[in-house]
Amino acid sequence: MKISEANWMQIEEYLKKDNRCVVPIGSTEQHAYLSLATDSILAEKISVDAAEPLGVPVFPVMPFGHTPMFMEFPGTIDLKLDTLNRVMIDILDSLRHHGFRKILIVNGHGGNMPVEDSVNEWVKSKADMRVKFHNWFRAPKTWAKTMEIDPVASHASWMENFEWTRLPGLIQPREQKPMVDLKKLSAATAVEARKMLGDGSWGGLYQRSDADTDVLWDVAVRETRDLIEFDWG
C-alpha cells in the first residue's frame, strides 16, 4: 500500500491493527545511460513490491542522498551527510509520533549507508521502537545472486539496468566496460571522478537480458519482504 494512495483516516485505521511501515531512501545522481533517479526508483519499487502482499504502507521515497563524488555530473543533487542524518531522524520522530513502531528503511544508494549509524543511535533511546536498515542491493541473498549471474557488476552497470530505470529510445552500449580502479576512485575529487569515469559507469556490462535481471529482482523482493514480515524482536 502506497501512502500516496491512502488518506490520513485510512492510516489511522491501519495503525489500530498494525504498526509496521517501509521508508525507501535513494538518491538523484548520474547513472551513465540510466535515469538520474535510478537509486530512488529501485528503492521505492522494491519496497512496494515487497510490502504489497502484506498490506504494509510504503512512504514516498526520499529522493536525495549523500553523493559528493558525482557533483560534476549535471543533475546530481548532494546532501551533506549531517543534513541527511537530520532528515532521517525527523522522519523517524514523525512516524513514532503517529504510532508506527516497526520501520524498515530500504536504502538504494551506497552513499547513504553511514545513516545507519545515526538510526541505530536513535533507536537506542527508544525502547518501543524496532528499525531495520536494509541496503537492498548489498543484502546477502541479493548480492549472492548478483555474483552468480555476473561478478563484474557495479554502479550504473547491468545490476541497476531494469525496465523501470531505462530511458525510452536510448540504446545501451553493448561492450563490457573495464572496471575503474575503485581505490583511486574513492580518493578522487568530484572533478577527478568525472575524468576517471567518462560516461559514469564504474564498469561491467551495461545491460544483460531481462531474464537475468528478473531473477535478481525476484530474489531482492523476497529478501526485502522477509524483513518486513519476520524477526522484529
Protein backbone atom coordinates (compact mmCIF):
# COMPACT_ATOMS: atom_id res chain seq x y z
CA MET A 1 0.00 0.00 0.00
CA LYS A 2 1.46 3.30 -1.08
CA ILE A 3 0.92 6.15 1.35
CA SER A 4 0.28 8.31 -1.71
CA GLU A 5 -2.82 6.18 -2.38
CA ALA A 6 -4.23 6.49 1.14
CA ASN A 7 -5.64 9.29 3.29
CA TRP A 8 -4.96 10.01 6.95
CA MET A 9 -8.14 8.30 8.12
CA GLN A 10 -7.17 5.06 6.41
CA ILE A 11 -3.74 5.16 8.04
CA GLU A 12 -5.33 5.81 11.41
CA GLU A 13 -7.44 2.68 10.95
CA TYR A 14 -4.41 0.69 9.80
CA LEU A 15 -2.50 1.65 12.95
CA LYS A 16 -5.22 0.11 15.11
CA LYS A 17 -4.18 -3.33 13.86
CA ASP A 18 -0.57 -3.00 12.68
CA ASN A 19 2.40 -0.71 13.33
CA ARG A 20 4.77 -1.59 10.52
CA CYS A 21 5.80 0.66 7.63
CA VAL A 22 8.51 0.97 5.00
CA VAL A 23 10.57 4.07 4.21
CA PRO A 24 12.61 3.91 0.99
CA ILE A 25 15.56 6.26 0.55
CA GLY A 26 17.52 6.83 -2.63
CA SER A 27 19.49 9.46 -4.48
CA THR A 28 19.38 11.72 -7.52
CA GLU A 29 22.70 11.24 -9.27
CA GLN A 30 24.29 10.23 -12.53
CA HIS A 31 23.87 6.62 -13.61
CA ALA A 32 25.53 6.76 -17.03
CA TYR A 33 22.79 5.98 -19.58
CA LEU A 34 20.16 5.17 -16.93
CA SER A 35 17.81 7.56 -15.17
CA LEU A 36 19.27 10.09 -12.75
CA ALA A 37 16.65 8.78 -10.31
CA THR A 38 17.78 5.14 -10.60
CA ASP A 39 18.54 4.66 -6.89
CA SER A 40 15.24 6.22 -5.86
CA ILE A 41 13.22 4.29 -8.44
CA LEU A 42 14.71 0.98 -7.32
CA ALA A 43 14.37 1.65 -3.58
CA GLU A 44 10.73 2.62 -3.91
CA LYS A 45 9.72 -0.15 -6.31
CA ILE A 46 11.36 -2.92 -4.33
CA SER A 47 9.66 -1.57 -1.20
CA VAL A 48 6.24 -1.53 -2.87
CA ASP A 49 6.67 -4.95 -4.49
CA ALA A 50 7.78 -6.45 -1.19
CA ALA A 51 5.16 -4.80 1.04
CA GLU A 52 2.08 -5.02 -1.18
CA PRO A 53 1.07 -8.63 -0.37
CA LEU A 54 1.44 -7.85 3.34
CA GLY A 55 -0.69 -4.70 3.26
CA VAL A 56 2.09 -2.68 4.89
CA PRO A 57 2.26 1.01 3.91
CA VAL A 58 5.22 2.35 1.97
CA PHE A 59 6.08 6.03 2.24
CA PRO A 60 7.28 8.05 -0.77
CA VAL A 61 10.97 7.61 -1.42
CA MET A 62 13.41 10.14 -0.02
CA PRO A 63 14.85 11.17 -3.44
CA PHE A 64 18.07 12.90 -2.37
CA GLY A 65 21.14 11.37 -0.74
CA HIS A 66 24.81 11.86 0.02
CA THR A 67 26.72 11.78 -3.27
CA PRO A 68 29.59 14.31 -3.41
CA MET A 69 31.61 12.15 -5.82
CA PHE A 70 29.20 12.81 -8.70
CA MET A 71 28.72 16.54 -8.33
CA GLU A 72 30.46 17.28 -11.64
CA PHE A 73 27.73 15.33 -13.47
CA PRO A 74 24.79 17.69 -14.13
CA GLY A 75 21.53 16.71 -12.44
CA THR A 76 23.17 15.21 -9.38
CA ILE A 77 21.97 16.58 -6.02
CA ASP A 78 24.15 16.08 -2.96
CA LEU A 79 23.00 16.36 0.64
CA LYS A 80 25.68 16.75 3.27
CA LEU A 81 25.72 13.70 5.50
CA ASP A 82 24.72 15.79 8.51
CA THR A 83 21.70 17.09 6.59
CA LEU A 84 20.64 13.59 5.55
CA ASN A 85 21.03 12.31 9.10
CA ARG A 86 18.81 15.09 10.43
CA VAL A 87 16.16 14.46 7.79
CA MET A 88 16.06 10.74 8.59
CA ILE A 89 15.74 11.37 12.33
CA ASP A 90 12.92 13.84 11.70
CA ILE A 91 11.17 11.18 9.61
CA LEU A 92 11.55 8.59 12.37
CA ASP A 93 10.32 11.03 15.02
CA SER A 94 7.24 11.73 12.92
CA LEU A 95 6.46 8.06 12.37
CA ARG A 96 6.87 7.28 16.06
CA HIS A 97 4.55 10.15 16.97
CA HIS A 98 1.79 8.61 14.85
CA GLY A 99 2.19 5.12 16.30
CA PHE A 100 4.47 3.28 13.90
CA ARG A 101 6.79 1.04 15.92
CA LYS A 102 8.36 -1.28 13.33
CA ILE A 103 10.07 0.55 10.48
CA LEU A 104 12.05 -0.88 7.60
CA ILE A 105 14.30 1.64 5.87
CA VAL A 106 15.08 0.40 2.36
CA ASN A 107 18.21 2.10 1.07
CA GLY A 108 19.08 2.14 -2.62
CA HIS A 109 22.27 4.22 -2.56
CA GLY A 110 25.72 3.34 -1.24
CA GLY A 111 26.47 6.90 -0.15
CA ASN A 112 23.55 6.76 2.30
CA MET A 113 24.90 3.76 4.20
CA PRO A 114 26.52 5.83 7.03
CA VAL A 115 22.99 6.95 8.01
CA GLU A 116 22.51 3.51 9.56
CA ASP A 117 24.76 4.56 12.45
CA SER A 118 22.56 7.57 13.23
CA VAL A 119 19.44 5.43 13.01
CA ASN A 120 20.92 2.90 15.41
CA GLU A 121 21.79 5.66 17.88
CA TRP A 122 18.23 6.96 17.68
CA VAL A 123 16.79 3.51 18.34
CA LYS A 124 18.94 3.01 21.45
CA SER A 125 16.96 5.68 23.29
CA LYS A 126 13.56 4.42 22.06
CA ALA A 127 12.78 1.14 23.81
CA ASP A 128 9.46 0.84 22.00
CA MET A 129 10.95 1.08 18.50
CA ARG A 130 12.30 -1.53 16.10
CA VAL A 131 14.06 -0.17 13.00
CA LYS A 132 15.87 -2.17 10.33
CA PHE A 133 18.20 -0.54 7.79
CA HIS A 134 18.23 -2.58 4.59
CA ASN A 135 20.74 -1.91 1.80
CA TRP A 136 18.74 -3.98 -0.65
CA PHE A 137 21.43 -4.23 -3.35
CA ARG A 138 24.02 -5.48 -0.82
CA ALA A 139 21.74 -7.80 1.14
CA PRO A 140 23.24 -11.31 1.41
CA LYS A 141 20.91 -13.28 -0.88
CA THR A 142 20.59 -10.48 -3.43
CA TRP A 143 24.33 -9.90 -3.62
CA ALA A 144 24.99 -13.64 -3.90
CA LYS A 145 22.58 -13.83 -6.84
CA THR A 146 24.27 -10.82 -8.46
CA MET A 147 27.67 -12.52 -8.19
CA GLU A 148 26.20 -15.75 -9.53
CA ILE A 149 24.80 -14.04 -12.61
CA ASP A 150 27.83 -11.85 -13.35
CA PRO A 151 30.52 -10.88 -10.82
CA VAL A 152 31.51 -7.84 -12.88
CA ALA A 153 28.74 -5.63 -11.55
CA SER A 154 28.89 -2.07 -10.30
CA HIS A 155 27.39 1.40 -10.30
CA ALA A 156 25.32 2.05 -13.46
CA SER A 157 26.03 -1.42 -14.84
CA TRP A 158 23.59 -4.22 -15.66
CA MET A 159 22.70 -4.77 -11.98
CA GLU A 160 20.83 -1.45 -11.96
CA ASN A 161 19.51 -1.74 -15.50
CA PHE A 162 15.84 -2.70 -15.32
CA GLU A 163 12.88 -1.80 -17.50
CA TRP A 164 11.93 0.84 -14.93
CA THR A 165 15.35 2.56 -14.85
CA ARG A 166 15.98 2.69 -18.61
CA LEU A 167 15.22 5.78 -20.63
CA PRO A 168 12.91 5.33 -23.63
CA GLY A 169 14.57 5.32 -27.02
CA LEU A 170 18.10 5.19 -25.60
CA ILE A 171 20.25 2.25 -26.71
CA GLN A 172 22.76 0.93 -24.15
CA PRO A 173 26.37 0.29 -25.21
CA ARG A 174 26.92 -3.41 -25.95
CA GLU A 175 30.51 -3.78 -24.80
CA GLN A 176 31.72 -4.54 -21.29
CA LYS A 177 33.42 -1.51 -19.80
CA PRO A 178 36.65 -2.18 -17.88
CA MET A 179 36.26 -1.71 -14.14
CA VAL A 180 37.54 1.56 -12.74
CA ASP A 181 40.21 1.44 -10.03
CA LEU A 182 37.89 1.67 -7.02
CA LYS A 183 40.69 2.54 -4.61
CA LYS A 184 41.73 5.53 -6.71
CA LEU A 185 38.11 6.49 -7.27
CA SER A 186 37.37 6.56 -3.55
CA ALA A 187 40.17 9.08 -3.05
CA ALA A 188 39.28 11.23 -6.06
CA THR A 189 37.74 14.69 -6.08
CA ALA A 190 34.50 15.18 -8.00
CA VAL A 191 36.43 16.65 -10.93
CA GLU A 192 38.86 13.72 -10.94
CA ALA A 193 35.97 11.24 -10.64
CA ARG A 194 34.32 12.60 -13.78
CA LYS A 195 37.59 12.28 -15.72
CA MET A 196 38.10 8.72 -14.47
CA LEU A 197 34.55 7.55 -15.15
CA GLY A 198 33.76 9.13 -18.51
CA ASP A 199 30.13 8.19 -19.02
CA GLY A 200 29.67 7.47 -15.31
CA SER A 201 29.60 3.67 -15.19
CA TRP A 202 32.14 2.02 -12.89
CA GLY A 203 32.47 -0.96 -15.22
CA GLY A 204 30.88 -4.16 -16.44
CA LEU A 205 28.16 -4.84 -18.99
CA TYR A 206 25.68 -2.01 -19.33
CA GLN A 207 22.77 -4.39 -19.82
CA ARG A 208 22.03 -8.09 -19.52
CA SER A 209 18.91 -9.96 -20.53
CA ASP A 210 15.63 -9.28 -18.77
CA ALA A 211 15.64 -12.96 -17.80
CA ASP A 212 18.77 -12.34 -15.71
CA THR A 213 17.56 -9.15 -14.07
CA ASP A 214 14.08 -10.60 -13.43
CA VAL A 215 15.68 -13.41 -11.43
CA LEU A 216 17.74 -10.90 -9.48
CA TRP A 217 14.68 -8.74 -8.78
CA ASP A 218 12.66 -11.70 -7.53
CA VAL A 219 15.39 -12.60 -5.03
CA ALA A 220 15.66 -8.99 -3.86
CA VAL A 221 11.90 -8.66 -3.39
CA ARG A 222 11.66 -11.90 -1.40
CA GLU A 223 14.59 -10.90 0.80
CA THR A 224 13.04 -7.49 1.47
CA ARG A 225 9.60 -9.00 2.17
CA ASP A 226 11.09 -11.36 4.75
CA LEU A 227 12.47 -8.35 6.63
CA ILE A 228 9.03 -6.74 6.70
CA GLU A 229 7.27 -9.92 7.78
CA PHE A 230 9.63 -11.60 10.25
CA ASP A 231 12.14 -11.16 13.09
CA TRP A 232 11.12 -7.87 14.68
CA GLY A 233 12.17 -9.00 18.15
